[in-house]
């Protein structure tokens, strides 16, 4: 008898609220909001570009974009997104197409949820 297990693709993301608080304390509310919004826009654009590069099988460009995503994610308190980006970069550098597809799908899910989480935190602070 075969048994099929259905995987739940909902992963709890956490935003480092302390990190965001540091940004607001250092820059002030207006500058911090601008900085965080620009970082979020950059992350969203990079995630879309990474997905496009994967469809085109442009691994070198994909790796470069993923590496550039990490410090942005870390800057605004998205440690899980940065961690998953490292996993994607590793899978790409190993040439493991299956692992790359799986970790990239996870990166996109975590990225989307992380962006929403920061957006929600900003709404609470307004």
PDB file of N, CA and C in Angstrom:
ATOM      1  N   UNK A   1       0.829  -1.165   0.000  1.00  0.00           N
ATOM      2  CA  UNK A   1       0.000   0.000   0.000  1.00  0.00           C
ATOM      3  C   UNK A   1       0.885   1.242   0.000  1.00  0.00           C
ATOM      4  N   UNK A   2       0.523   2.183  -0.858  1.00  0.00           N
ATOM      5  CA  UNK A   2       1.259   3.443  -0.906  1.00  0.00           C
ATOM      6  C   UNK A   2       0.615   4.457   0.029  1.00  0.00           C
ATOM      7  N   UNK A   3       1.469   5.283   0.550  1.00  0.00           N
ATOM      8  CA  UNK A   3       0.973   6.318   1.451  1.00  0.00           C
ATOM      9  C   UNK A   3       1.476   7.667   0.946  1.00  0.00           C
ATOM     10  N   UNK A   4       0.574   8.598   0.820  1.00  0.00           N
ATOM     11  CA  UNK A   4       0.917   9.917   0.332  1.00  0.00           C
ATOM     12  C   UNK A   4       0.808  10.900   1.494  1.00  0.00           C
ATOM     13  N   UNK A   5       1.844  11.676   1.656  1.00  0.00           N
ATOM     14  CA  UNK A   5       1.846  12.688   2.700  1.00  0.00           C
ATOM     15  C   UNK A   5       1.744  14.054   2.041  1.00  0.00           C
ATOM     16  N   UNK A   6       0.816  14.824   2.488  1.00  0.00           N
ATOM     17  CA  UNK A   6       0.627  16.162   1.970  1.00  0.00           C
ATOM     18  C   UNK A   6       1.418  17.137   2.834  1.00  0.00           C
ATOM     19  N   UNK A   7       2.316  17.871   2.216  1.00  0.00           N
ATOM     20  CA  UNK A   7       3.144  18.822   2.945  1.00  0.00           C
ATOM     21  C   UNK A   7       2.435  20.165   3.065  1.00  0.00           C
ATOM     22  N   UNK A   8       2.480  20.723   4.227  1.00  0.00           N
ATOM     23  CA  UNK A   8       1.929  22.055   4.443  1.00  0.00           C
ATOM     24  C   UNK A   8       3.011  23.077   4.093  1.00  0.00           C
ATOM     25  N   UNK A   9       2.691  23.981   3.191  1.00  0.00           N
ATOM     26  CA  UNK A   9       3.680  24.950   2.744  1.00  0.00           C
ATOM     27  C   UNK A   9       3.565  26.282   3.472  1.00  0.00           C
ATOM     28  N   UNK A  10       2.905  26.268   4.601  1.00  0.00           N
ATOM     29  CA  UNK A  10       2.823  27.483   5.409  1.00  0.00           C
ATOM     30  C   UNK A  10       3.949  27.461   6.422  1.00  0.00           C
ATOM     31  N   UNK A  11       4.775  28.446   6.325  1.00  0.00           N
ATOM     32  CA  UNK A  11       5.926  28.539   7.221  1.00  0.00           C
ATOM     33  C   UNK A  11       5.815  29.848   7.986  1.00  0.00           C
ATOM     34  N   UNK A  12       5.986  29.768   9.269  1.00  0.00           N
ATOM     35  CA  UNK A  12       5.891  30.959  10.113  1.00  0.00           C
ATOM     36  C   UNK A  12       7.118  31.830   9.896  1.00  0.00           C
ATOM     37  N   UNK A  13       6.889  33.045   9.444  1.00  0.00           N
ATOM     38  CA  UNK A  13       8.003  33.982   9.308  1.00  0.00           C
ATOM     39  C   UNK A  13       7.967  34.936  10.489  1.00  0.00           C
ATOM     40  N   UNK A  14       9.132  35.368  10.865  1.00  0.00           N
ATOM     41  CA  UNK A  14       9.238  36.341  11.949  1.00  0.00           C
ATOM     42  C   UNK A  14      10.084  37.495  11.465  1.00  0.00           C
ATOM     43  N   UNK A  15       9.632  38.649  11.807  1.00  0.00           N
ATOM     44  CA  UNK A  15      10.405  39.851  11.516  1.00  0.00           C
ATOM     45  C   UNK A  15      11.062  40.269  12.818  1.00  0.00           C
ATOM     46  N   UNK A  16      12.313  40.633  12.741  1.00  0.00           N
ATOM     47  CA  UNK A  16      13.040  41.086  13.916  1.00  0.00           C
ATOM     48  C   UNK A  16      12.605  42.518  14.238  1.00  0.00           C
ATOM     49  N   UNK A  17      11.611  42.621  15.088  1.00  0.00           N
ATOM     50  CA  UNK A  17      11.061  43.931  15.449  1.00  0.00           C
ATOM     51  C   UNK A  17      12.114  44.798  16.132  1.00  0.00           C
ATOM     52  N   UNK A  18      13.035  44.178  16.850  1.00  0.00           N
ATOM     53  CA  UNK A  18      14.114  44.949  17.487  1.00  0.00           C
ATOM     54  C   UNK A  18      14.976  45.634  16.432  1.00  0.00           C
ATOM     55  N   UNK A  19      15.251  44.908  15.343  1.00  0.00           N
ATOM     56  CA  UNK A  19      16.063  45.481  14.267  1.00  0.00           C
ATOM     57  C   UNK A  19      15.339  46.670  13.640  1.00  0.00           C
ATOM     58  N   UNK A  20      14.047  46.507  13.395  1.00  0.00           N
ATOM     59  CA  UNK A  20      13.276  47.626  12.852  1.00  0.00           C
ATOM     60  C   UNK A  20      13.250  48.793  13.828  1.00  0.00           C
ATOM     61  N   UNK A  21      13.127  48.468  15.114  1.00  0.00           N
ATOM     62  CA  UNK A  21      13.149  49.515  16.132  1.00  0.00           C
ATOM     63  C   UNK A  21      14.454  50.291  16.129  1.00  0.00           C
ATOM     64  N   UNK A  22      15.566  49.583  15.914  1.00  0.00           N
ATOM     65  CA  UNK A  22      16.876  50.241  15.838  1.00  0.00           C
ATOM     66  C   UNK A  22      16.925  51.212  14.655  1.00  0.00           C
ATOM     67  N   UNK A  23      16.368  50.775  13.537  1.00  0.00           N
ATOM     68  CA  UNK A  23      16.360  51.636  12.345  1.00  0.00           C
ATOM     69  C   UNK A  23      15.576  52.911  12.638  1.00  0.00           C
ATOM     70  N   UNK A  24      14.412  52.749  13.257  1.00  0.00           N
ATOM     71  CA  UNK A  24      13.583  53.915  13.583  1.00  0.00           C
ATOM     72  C   UNK A  24      14.280  54.819  14.601  1.00  0.00           C
ATOM     73  N   UNK A  25      14.953  54.228  15.578  1.00  0.00           N
ATOM     74  CA  UNK A  25      15.652  55.024  16.591  1.00  0.00           C
ATOM     75  C   UNK A  25      16.825  55.786  15.979  1.00  0.00           C
ATOM     76  N   UNK A  26      17.545  55.150  15.053  1.00  0.00           N
ATOM     77  CA  UNK A  26      18.716  55.772  14.442  1.00  0.00           C
ATOM     78  C   UNK A  26      18.343  56.861  13.438  1.00  0.00           C
ATOM     79  N   UNK A  27      17.299  56.591  12.648  1.00  0.00           N
ATOM     80  CA  UNK A  27      17.000  57.482  11.524  1.00  0.00           C
ATOM     81  C   UNK A  27      15.832  58.432  11.763  1.00  0.00           C
ATOM     82  N   UNK A  28      15.045  58.161  12.769  1.00  0.00           N
ATOM     83  CA  UNK A  28      13.820  58.928  12.937  1.00  0.00           C
ATOM     84  C   UNK A  28      12.717  58.311  12.099  1.00  0.00           C
ATOM     85  N   UNK A  29      11.494  58.644  12.434  1.00  0.00           N
ATOM     86  CA  UNK A  29      10.358  57.953  11.811  1.00  0.00           C
ATOM     87  C   UNK A  29      10.294  58.123  10.297  1.00  0.00           C
ATOM     88  N   UNK A  30      10.413  59.344   9.831  1.00  0.00           N
ATOM     89  CA  UNK A  30      10.268  59.601   8.384  1.00  0.00           C
ATOM     90  C   UNK A  30      11.365  58.914   7.568  1.00  0.00           C
ATOM     91  N   UNK A  31      12.608  59.095   7.966  1.00  0.00           N
ATOM     92  CA  UNK A  31      13.731  58.489   7.239  1.00  0.00           C
ATOM     93  C   UNK A  31      13.694  56.970   7.338  1.00  0.00           C
ATOM     94  N   UNK A  32      13.314  56.465   8.496  1.00  0.00           N
ATOM     95  CA  UNK A  32      13.230  55.015   8.674  1.00  0.00           C
ATOM     96  C   UNK A  32      12.148  54.420   7.772  1.00  0.00           C
ATOM     97  N   UNK A  33      10.998  55.073   7.709  1.00  0.00           N
ATOM     98  CA  UNK A  33       9.933  54.584   6.835  1.00  0.00           C
ATOM     99  C   UNK A  33      10.388  54.567   5.390  1.00  0.00           C
ATOM    100  N   UNK A  34      11.078  55.632   4.966  1.00  0.00           N
ATOM    101  CA  UNK A  34      11.598  55.683   3.600  1.00  0.00           C
ATOM    102  C   UNK A  34      12.596  54.560   3.350  1.00  0.00           C
ATOM    103  N   UNK A  35      13.490  54.355   4.310  1.00  0.00           N
ATOM    104  CA  UNK A  35      14.516  53.312   4.176  1.00  0.00           C
ATOM    105  C   UNK A  35      13.885  51.928   4.105  1.00  0.00           C
ATOM    106  N   UNK A  36      12.955  51.647   4.996  1.00  0.00           N
ATOM    107  CA  UNK A  36      12.313  50.333   5.034  1.00  0.00           C
ATOM    108  C   UNK A  36      11.480  50.111   3.770  1.00  0.00           C
ATOM    109  N   UNK A  37      10.752  51.132   3.342  1.00  0.00           N
ATOM    110  CA  UNK A  37       9.942  50.994   2.123  1.00  0.00           C
ATOM    111  C   UNK A  37      10.823  50.760   0.895  1.00  0.00           C
ATOM    112  N   UNK A  38      11.920  51.474   0.797  1.00  0.00           N
ATOM    113  CA  UNK A  38      12.842  51.255  -0.338  1.00  0.00           C
ATOM    114  C   UNK A  38      13.419  49.847  -0.298  1.00  0.00           C
ATOM    115  N   UNK A  39      13.780  49.387   0.893  1.00  0.00           N
ATOM    116  CA  UNK A  39      14.328  48.032   1.028  1.00  0.00           C
ATOM    117  C   UNK A  39      13.285  46.993   0.640  1.00  0.00           C
ATOM    118  N   UNK A  40      12.056  47.210   1.048  1.00  0.00           N
ATOM    119  CA  UNK A  40      10.990  46.266   0.700  1.00  0.00           C
ATOM    120  C   UNK A  40      10.747  46.250  -0.810  1.00  0.00           C
ATOM    121  N   UNK A  41      10.748  47.418  -1.432  1.00  0.00           N
ATOM    122  CA  UNK A  41      10.590  47.485  -2.888  1.00  0.00           C
ATOM    123  C   UNK A  41      11.739  46.767  -3.589  1.00  0.00           C
ATOM    124  N   UNK A  42      12.937  46.964  -3.078  1.00  0.00           N
ATOM    125  CA  UNK A  42      14.117  46.310  -3.661  1.00  0.00           C
ATOM    126  C   UNK A  42      14.029  44.790  -3.517  1.00  0.00           C
ATOM    127  N   UNK A  43      13.603  44.327  -2.344  1.00  0.00           N
ATOM    128  CA  UNK A  43      13.443  42.885  -2.143  1.00  0.00           C
ATOM    129  C   UNK A  43      12.402  42.307  -3.089  1.00  0.00           C
ATOM    130  N   UNK A  44      11.269  42.977  -3.212  1.00  0.00           N
ATOM    131  CA  UNK A  44      10.208  42.489  -4.099  1.00  0.00           C
ATOM    132  C   UNK A  44      10.703  42.426  -5.545  1.00  0.00           C
ATOM    133  N   UNK A  45      11.419  43.456  -5.977  1.00  0.00           N
ATOM    134  CA  UNK A  45      11.949  43.483  -7.340  1.00  0.00           C
ATOM    135  C   UNK A  45      12.982  42.376  -7.547  1.00  0.00           C
ATOM    136  N   UNK A  46      13.858  42.184  -6.574  1.00  0.00           N
ATOM    137  CA  UNK A  46      14.879  41.134  -6.694  1.00  0.00           C
ATOM    138  C   UNK A  46      14.251  39.743  -6.713  1.00  0.00           C
ATOM    139  N   UNK A  47      13.252  39.517  -5.880  1.00  0.00           N
ATOM    140  CA  UNK A  47      12.586  38.214  -5.875  1.00  0.00           C
ATOM    141  C   UNK A  47      11.959  37.926  -7.239  1.00  0.00           C
ATOM    142  N   UNK A  48      11.308  38.913  -7.826  1.00  0.00           N
ATOM    143  CA  UNK A  48      10.711  38.730  -9.152  1.00  0.00           C
ATOM    144  C   UNK A  48      11.794  38.463 -10.195  1.00  0.00           C
ATOM    145  N   UNK A  49      12.903  39.193 -10.091  1.00  0.00           N
ATOM    146  CA  UNK A  49      14.002  39.015 -11.041  1.00  0.00           C
ATOM    147  C   UNK A  49      14.660  37.640 -10.878  1.00  0.00           C
ATOM    148  N   UNK A  50      14.814  37.210  -9.650  1.00  0.00           N
ATOM    149  CA  UNK A  50      15.394  35.886  -9.380  1.00  0.00           C
ATOM    150  C   UNK A  50      14.532  34.801  -9.998  1.00  0.00           C
ATOM    151  N   UNK A  51      13.232  34.926  -9.839  1.00  0.00           N
ATOM    152  CA  UNK A  51      12.326  33.937 -10.430  1.00  0.00           C
ATOM    153  C   UNK A  51      12.452  33.918 -11.956  1.00  0.00           C
ATOM    154  N   UNK A  52      12.559  35.093 -12.556  1.00  0.00           N
ATOM    155  CA  UNK A  52      12.712  35.186 -14.007  1.00  0.00           C
ATOM    156  C   UNK A  52      14.033  34.559 -14.465  1.00  0.00           C
ATOM    157  N   UNK A  53      15.103  34.825 -13.726  1.00  0.00           N
ATOM    158  CA  UNK A  53      16.406  34.248 -14.077  1.00  0.00           C
ATOM    159  C   UNK A  53      16.372  32.724 -13.978  1.00  0.00           C
ATOM    160  N   UNK A  54      15.661  32.203 -13.000  1.00  0.00           N
ATOM    161  CA  UNK A  54      15.543  30.751 -12.858  1.00  0.00           C
ATOM    162  C   UNK A  54      14.813  30.153 -14.059  1.00  0.00           C
ATOM    163  N   UNK A  55      13.727  30.797 -14.478  1.00  0.00           N
ATOM    164  CA  UNK A  55      12.994  30.303 -15.656  1.00  0.00           C
ATOM    165  C   UNK A  55      13.868  30.291 -16.900  1.00  0.00           C
ATOM    166  N   UNK A  56      14.794  31.253 -16.988  1.00  0.00           N
ATOM    167  CA  UNK A  56      15.701  31.338 -18.133  1.00  0.00           C
ATOM    168  C   UNK A  56      16.960  30.491 -17.941  1.00  0.00           C
ATOM    169  N   UNK A  57      17.084  29.814 -16.805  1.00  0.00           N
ATOM    170  CA  UNK A  57      18.250  28.998 -16.451  1.00  0.00           C
ATOM    171  C   UNK A  57      19.545  29.809 -16.443  1.00  0.00           C
ATOM    172  N   UNK A  58      19.468  31.044 -16.013  1.00  0.00           N
ATOM    173  CA  UNK A  58      20.648  31.904 -15.906  1.00  0.00           C
ATOM    174  C   UNK A  58      21.166  31.851 -14.465  1.00  0.00           C
ATOM    175  N   UNK A  59      21.896  30.784 -14.163  1.00  0.00           N
ATOM    176  CA  UNK A  59      22.315  30.529 -12.791  1.00  0.00           C
ATOM    177  C   UNK A  59      23.294  31.558 -12.239  1.00  0.00           C
ATOM    178  N   UNK A  60      24.196  32.044 -13.076  1.00  0.00           N
ATOM    179  CA  UNK A  60      25.169  33.025 -12.585  1.00  0.00           C
ATOM    180  C   UNK A  60      24.457  34.305 -12.150  1.00  0.00           C
ATOM    181  N   UNK A  61      23.543  34.769 -12.956  1.00  0.00           N
ATOM    182  CA  UNK A  61      22.777  35.959 -12.597  1.00  0.00           C
ATOM    183  C   UNK A  61      21.900  35.729 -11.384  1.00  0.00           C
ATOM    184  N   UNK A  62      21.318  34.542 -11.299  1.00  0.00           N
ATOM    185  CA  UNK A  62      20.486  34.179 -10.157  1.00  0.00           C
ATOM    186  C   UNK A  62      21.296  34.223  -8.874  1.00  0.00           C
ATOM    187  N   UNK A  63      22.477  33.621  -8.902  1.00  0.00           N
ATOM    188  CA  UNK A  63      23.332  33.616  -7.710  1.00  0.00           C
ATOM    189  C   UNK A  63      23.701  35.033  -7.291  1.00  0.00           C
ATOM    190  N   UNK A  64      24.013  35.865  -8.250  1.00  0.00           N
ATOM    191  CA  UNK A  64      24.389  37.246  -7.950  1.00  0.00           C
ATOM    192  C   UNK A  64      23.220  37.990  -7.295  1.00  0.00           C
ATOM    193  N   UNK A  65      22.024  37.813  -7.821  1.00  0.00           N
ATOM    194  CA  UNK A  65      20.849  38.472  -7.262  1.00  0.00           C
ATOM    195  C   UNK A  65      20.519  37.960  -5.862  1.00  0.00           C
ATOM    196  N   UNK A  66      20.662  36.660  -5.663  1.00  0.00           N
ATOM    197  CA  UNK A  66      20.384  36.075  -4.347  1.00  0.00           C
ATOM    198  C   UNK A  66      21.391  36.594  -3.323  1.00  0.00           C
ATOM    199  N   UNK A  67      22.652  36.659  -3.715  1.00  0.00           N
ATOM    200  CA  UNK A  67      23.676  37.178  -2.805  1.00  0.00           C
ATOM    201  C   UNK A  67      23.406  38.636  -2.440  1.00  0.00           C
ATOM    202  N   UNK A  68      22.911  39.418  -3.381  1.00  0.00           N
ATOM    203  CA  UNK A  68      22.612  40.826  -3.119  1.00  0.00           C
ATOM    204  C   UNK A  68      21.364  40.985  -2.256  1.00  0.00           C
ATOM    205  N   UNK A  69      20.502  40.002  -2.251  1.00  0.00           N
ATOM    206  CA  UNK A  69      19.276  40.041  -1.464  1.00  0.00           C
ATOM    207  C   UNK A  69      19.562  39.891   0.040  1.00  0.00           C
ATOM    208  N   UNK A  70      20.565  39.119   0.376  1.00  0.00           N
ATOM    209  CA  UNK A  70      20.855  38.793   1.781  1.00  0.00           C
ATOM    210  C   UNK A  70      21.063  40.028   2.658  1.00  0.00           C
ATOM    211  N   UNK A  71      21.957  40.947   2.315  1.00  0.00           N
ATOM    212  CA  UNK A  71      22.151  42.090   3.220  1.00  0.00           C
ATOM    213  C   UNK A  71      20.929  42.991   3.348  1.00  0.00           C
ATOM    214  N   UNK A  72      20.123  43.052   2.302  1.00  0.00           N
ATOM    215  CA  UNK A  72      18.902  43.860   2.382  1.00  0.00           C
ATOM    216  C   UNK A  72      17.941  43.231   3.378  1.00  0.00           C
ATOM    217  N   UNK A  73      17.771  41.914   3.275  1.00  0.00           N
ATOM    218  CA  UNK A  73      16.889  41.204   4.204  1.00  0.00           C
ATOM    219  C   UNK A  73      17.385  41.345   5.639  1.00  0.00           C
ATOM    220  N   UNK A  74      18.671  41.211   5.836  1.00  0.00           N
ATOM    221  CA  UNK A  74      19.234  41.348   7.180  1.00  0.00           C
ATOM    222  C   UNK A  74      19.066  42.774   7.706  1.00  0.00           C
ATOM    223  N   UNK A  75      19.210  43.754   6.834  1.00  0.00           N
ATOM    224  CA  UNK A  75      19.106  45.158   7.237  1.00  0.00           C
ATOM    225  C   UNK A  75      17.754  45.470   7.858  1.00  0.00           C
ATOM    226  N   UNK A  76      16.677  44.893   7.310  1.00  0.00           N
ATOM    227  CA  UNK A  76      15.354  45.248   7.815  1.00  0.00           C
ATOM    228  C   UNK A  76      14.716  44.130   8.642  1.00  0.00           C
ATOM    229  N   UNK A  77      15.546  43.245   9.163  1.00  0.00           N
ATOM    230  CA  UNK A  77      15.057  42.284  10.150  1.00  0.00           C
ATOM    231  C   UNK A  77      14.336  41.083   9.595  1.00  0.00           C
ATOM    232  N   UNK A  78      14.839  40.518   8.515  1.00  0.00           N
ATOM    233  CA  UNK A  78      14.256  39.315   7.930  1.00  0.00           C
ATOM    234  C   UNK A  78      15.291  38.183   7.923  1.00  0.00           C
ATOM    235  N   UNK A  79      15.626  37.651   9.090  1.00  0.00           N
ATOM    236  CA  UNK A  79      16.680  36.639   9.153  1.00  0.00           C
ATOM    237  C   UNK A  79      16.327  35.338   8.425  1.00  0.00           C
ATOM    238  N   UNK A  80      15.066  34.928   8.442  1.00  0.00           N
ATOM    239  CA  UNK A  80      14.688  33.698   7.755  1.00  0.00           C
ATOM    240  C   UNK A  80      14.857  33.854   6.253  1.00  0.00           C
ATOM    241  N   UNK A  81      14.476  34.999   5.716  1.00  0.00           N
ATOM    242  CA  UNK A  81      14.643  35.243   4.287  1.00  0.00           C
ATOM    243  C   UNK A  81      16.119  35.188   3.909  1.00  0.00           C
ATOM    244  N   UNK A  82      16.970  35.786   4.727  1.00  0.00           N
ATOM    245  CA  UNK A  82      18.411  35.743   4.457  1.00  0.00           C
ATOM    246  C   UNK A  82      18.924  34.307   4.503  1.00  0.00           C
ATOM    247  N   UNK A  83      18.459  33.537   5.478  1.00  0.00           N
ATOM    248  CA  UNK A  83      18.882  32.133   5.609  1.00  0.00           C
ATOM    249  C   UNK A  83      18.463  31.312   4.390  1.00  0.00           C
ATOM    250  N   UNK A  84      17.239  31.470   3.970  1.00  0.00           N
ATOM    251  CA  UNK A  84      16.755  30.708   2.809  1.00  0.00           C
ATOM    252  C   UNK A  84      17.499  31.142   1.545  1.00  0.00           C
ATOM    253  N   UNK A  85      17.844  32.421   1.450  1.00  0.00           N
ATOM    254  CA  UNK A  85      18.622  32.894   0.299  1.00  0.00           C
ATOM    255  C   UNK A  85      19.978  32.202   0.243  1.00  0.00           C
ATOM    256  N   UNK A  86      20.616  32.005   1.409  1.00  0.00           N
ATOM    257  CA  UNK A  86      21.875  31.249   1.448  1.00  0.00           C
ATOM    258  C   UNK A  86      21.662  29.828   0.912  1.00  0.00           C
ATOM    259  N   UNK A  87      20.554  29.206   1.283  1.00  0.00           N
ATOM    260  CA  UNK A  87      20.252  27.853   0.813  1.00  0.00           C
ATOM    261  C   UNK A  87      20.079  27.820  -0.704  1.00  0.00           C
ATOM    262  N   UNK A  88      19.417  28.836  -1.250  1.00  0.00           N
ATOM    263  CA  UNK A  88      19.223  28.912  -2.700  1.00  0.00           C
ATOM    264  C   UNK A  88      20.570  29.065  -3.394  1.00  0.00           C
ATOM    265  N   UNK A  89      21.388  29.940  -2.864  1.00  0.00           N
ATOM    266  CA  UNK A  89      22.705  30.164  -3.467  1.00  0.00           C
ATOM    267  C   UNK A  89      23.537  28.885  -3.437  1.00  0.00           C
ATOM    268  N   UNK A  90      23.463  28.159  -2.337  1.00  0.00           N
ATOM    269  CA  UNK A  90      24.202  26.901  -2.217  1.00  0.00           C
ATOM    270  C   UNK A  90      23.708  25.874  -3.235  1.00  0.00           C
ATOM    271  N   UNK A  91      22.400  25.730  -3.360  1.00  0.00           N
ATOM    272  CA  UNK A  91      21.838  24.777  -4.323  1.00  0.00           C
ATOM    273  C   UNK A  91      22.237  25.156  -5.742  1.00  0.00           C
ATOM    274  N   UNK A  92      22.239  26.447  -6.041  1.00  0.00           N
ATOM    275  CA  UNK A  92      22.632  26.897  -7.382  1.00  0.00           C
ATOM    276  C   UNK A  92      24.106  26.621  -7.641  1.00  0.00           C
ATOM    277  N   UNK A  93      24.953  26.855  -6.636  1.00  0.00           N
ATOM    278  CA  UNK A  93      26.385  26.642  -6.825  1.00  0.00           C
ATOM    279  C   UNK A  93      26.734  25.160  -6.961  1.00  0.00           C
ATOM    280  N   UNK A  94      25.903  24.293  -6.373  1.00  0.00           N
ATOM    281  CA  UNK A  94      26.121  22.845  -6.489  1.00  0.00           C
ATOM    282  C   UNK A  94      25.589  22.279  -7.801  1.00  0.00           C
ATOM    283  N   UNK A  95      24.782  23.061  -8.479  1.00  0.00           N
ATOM    284  CA  UNK A  95      24.206  22.586  -9.732  1.00  0.00           C
ATOM    285  C   UNK A  95      23.094  21.581  -9.542  1.00  0.00           C
ATOM    286  N   UNK A  96      22.496  21.553  -8.379  1.00  0.00           N
ATOM    287  CA  UNK A  96      21.411  20.621  -8.078  1.00  0.00           C
ATOM    288  C   UNK A  96      20.084  21.272  -8.461  1.00  0.00           C
ATOM    289  N   UNK A  97      19.562  20.928  -9.629  1.00  0.00           N
ATOM    290  CA  UNK A  97      18.363  21.575 -10.160  1.00  0.00           C
ATOM    291  C   UNK A  97      17.132  21.334  -9.294  1.00  0.00           C
ATOM    292  N   UNK A  98      17.009  20.137  -8.734  1.00  0.00           N
ATOM    293  CA  UNK A  98      15.848  19.825  -7.893  1.00  0.00           C
ATOM    294  C   UNK A  98      15.909  20.633  -6.594  1.00  0.00           C
ATOM    295  N   UNK A  99      17.066  20.641  -5.955  1.00  0.00           N
ATOM    296  CA  UNK A  99      17.225  21.413  -4.720  1.00  0.00           C
ATOM    297  C   UNK A  99      17.037  22.904  -4.992  1.00  0.00           C
ATOM    298  N   UNK A 100      17.536  23.367  -6.115  1.00  0.00           N
ATOM    299  CA  UNK A 100      17.379  24.777  -6.466  1.00  0.00           C
ATOM    300  C   UNK A 100      15.904  25.124  -6.631  1.00  0.00           C
ATOM    301  N   UNK A 101      15.165  24.300  -7.345  1.00  0.00           N
ATOM    302  CA  UNK A 101      13.732  24.569  -7.543  1.00  0.00           C
ATOM    303  C   UNK A 101      12.991  24.580  -6.209  1.00  0.00           C
ATOM    304  N   UNK A 102      13.312  23.642  -5.344  1.00  0.00           N
ATOM    305  CA  UNK A 102      12.630  23.561  -4.040  1.00  0.00           C
ATOM    306  C   UNK A 102      12.979  24.743  -3.151  1.00  0.00           C
ATOM    307  N   UNK A 103      14.252  25.072  -3.058  1.00  0.00           N
ATOM    308  CA  UNK A 103      14.657  26.179  -2.182  1.00  0.00           C
ATOM    309  C   UNK A 103      14.216  27.522  -2.755  1.00  0.00           C
ATOM    310  N   UNK A 104      14.191  27.629  -4.077  1.00  0.00           N
ATOM    311  CA  UNK A 104      13.717  28.863  -4.687  1.00  0.00           C
ATOM    312  C   UNK A 104      12.227  29.059  -4.415  1.00  0.00           C
ATOM    313  N   UNK A 105      11.452  27.995  -4.513  1.00  0.00           N
ATOM    314  CA  UNK A 105      10.024  28.096  -4.189  1.00  0.00           C
ATOM    315  C   UNK A 105       9.850  28.540  -2.736  1.00  0.00           C
ATOM    316  N   UNK A 106      10.678  28.001  -1.853  1.00  0.00           N
ATOM    317  CA  UNK A 106      10.615  28.397  -0.443  1.00  0.00           C
ATOM    318  C   UNK A 106      11.017  29.862  -0.284  1.00  0.00           C
ATOM    319  N   UNK A 107      12.048  30.283  -0.997  1.00  0.00           N
ATOM    320  CA  UNK A 107      12.488  31.678  -0.932  1.00  0.00           C
ATOM    321  C   UNK A 107      11.361  32.620  -1.328  1.00  0.00           C
ATOM    322  N   UNK A 108      10.659  32.286  -2.395  1.00  0.00           N
ATOM    323  CA  UNK A 108       9.574  33.138  -2.855  1.00  0.00           C
ATOM    324  C   UNK A 108       8.433  33.187  -1.849  1.00  0.00           C
ATOM    325  N   UNK A 109       8.105  32.036  -1.249  1.00  0.00           N
ATOM    326  CA  UNK A 109       7.049  32.010  -0.227  1.00  0.00           C
ATOM    327  C   UNK A 109       7.451  32.816   0.999  1.00  0.00           C
ATOM    328  N   UNK A 110       8.664  32.572   1.490  1.00  0.00           N
ATOM    329  CA  UNK A 110       9.146  33.270   2.685  1.00  0.00           C
ATOM    330  C   UNK A 110       9.290  34.765   2.391  1.00  0.00           C
ATOM    331  N   UNK A 111       9.758  35.089   1.213  1.00  0.00           N
ATOM    332  CA  UNK A 111       9.909  36.491   0.836  1.00  0.00           C
ATOM    333  C   UNK A 111       8.587  37.223   0.848  1.00  0.00           C
ATOM    334  N   UNK A 112       7.580  36.616   0.234  1.00  0.00           N
ATOM    335  CA  UNK A 112       6.261  37.248   0.197  1.00  0.00           C
ATOM    336  C   UNK A 112       5.700  37.430   1.607  1.00  0.00           C
ATOM    337  N   UNK A 113       5.783  36.384   2.395  1.00  0.00           N
ATOM    338  CA  UNK A 113       5.247  36.471   3.765  1.00  0.00           C
ATOM    339  C   UNK A 113       6.035  37.454   4.633  1.00  0.00           C
ATOM    340  N   UNK A 114       7.339  37.530   4.418  1.00  0.00           N
ATOM    341  CA  UNK A 114       8.165  38.469   5.181  1.00  0.00           C
ATOM    342  C   UNK A 114       7.813  39.913   4.822  1.00  0.00           C
ATOM    343  N   UNK A 115       7.597  40.163   3.543  1.00  0.00           N
ATOM    344  CA  UNK A 115       7.218  41.513   3.123  1.00  0.00           C
ATOM    345  C   UNK A 115       5.881  41.913   3.741  1.00  0.00           C
ATOM    346  N   UNK A 116       4.938  40.982   3.738  1.00  0.00           N
ATOM    347  CA  UNK A 116       3.646  41.269   4.375  1.00  0.00           C
ATOM    348  C   UNK A 116       3.807  41.501   5.874  1.00  0.00           C
ATOM    349  N   UNK A 117       4.676  40.740   6.511  1.00  0.00           N
ATOM    350  CA  UNK A 117       4.877  40.884   7.955  1.00  0.00           C
ATOM    351  C   UNK A 117       5.445  42.256   8.302  1.00  0.00           C
ATOM    352  N   UNK A 118       6.410  42.728   7.528  1.00  0.00           N
ATOM    353  CA  UNK A 118       6.968  44.059   7.785  1.00  0.00           C
ATOM    354  C   UNK A 118       5.911  45.121   7.507  1.00  0.00           C
ATOM    355  N   UNK A 119       5.167  44.929   6.443  1.00  0.00           N
ATOM    356  CA  UNK A 119       4.109  45.883   6.109  1.00  0.00           C
ATOM    357  C   UNK A 119       3.103  45.980   7.253  1.00  0.00           C
ATOM    358  N   UNK A 120       2.726  44.825   7.798  1.00  0.00           N
ATOM    359  CA  UNK A 120       1.781  44.794   8.922  1.00  0.00           C
ATOM    360  C   UNK A 120       2.363  45.487  10.150  1.00  0.00           C
ATOM    361  N   UNK A 121       3.645  45.275  10.419  1.00  0.00           N
ATOM    362  CA  UNK A 121       4.281  45.942  11.566  1.00  0.00           C
ATOM    363  C   UNK A 121       4.294  47.458  11.387  1.00  0.00           C
ATOM    364  N   UNK A 122       4.545  47.892  10.155  1.00  0.00           N
ATOM    365  CA  UNK A 122       4.545  49.330   9.900  1.00  0.00           C
ATOM    366  C   UNK A 122       3.150  49.908  10.108  1.00  0.00           C
ATOM    367  N   UNK A 123       2.113  49.173   9.708  1.00  0.00           N
ATOM    368  CA  UNK A 123       0.744  49.635   9.910  1.00  0.00           C
ATOM    369  C   UNK A 123       0.433  49.797  11.392  1.00  0.00           C
ATOM    370  N   UNK A 124       0.983  48.915  12.215  1.00  0.00           N
ATOM    371  CA  UNK A 124       0.746  48.998  13.658  1.00  0.00           C
ATOM    372  C   UNK A 124       1.412  50.214  14.270  1.00  0.00           C
ATOM    373  N   UNK A 125       2.552  50.628  13.692  1.00  0.00           N
ATOM    374  CA  UNK A 125       3.293  51.740  14.288  1.00  0.00           C
ATOM    375  C   UNK A 125       2.772  53.100  13.853  1.00  0.00           C
ATOM    376  N   UNK A 126       1.939  53.146  12.823  1.00  0.00           N
ATOM    377  CA  UNK A 126       1.435  54.428  12.307  1.00  0.00           C
ATOM    378  C   UNK A 126       0.339  54.964  13.178  1.00  0.00           C
TER     379      UNK A 126
END
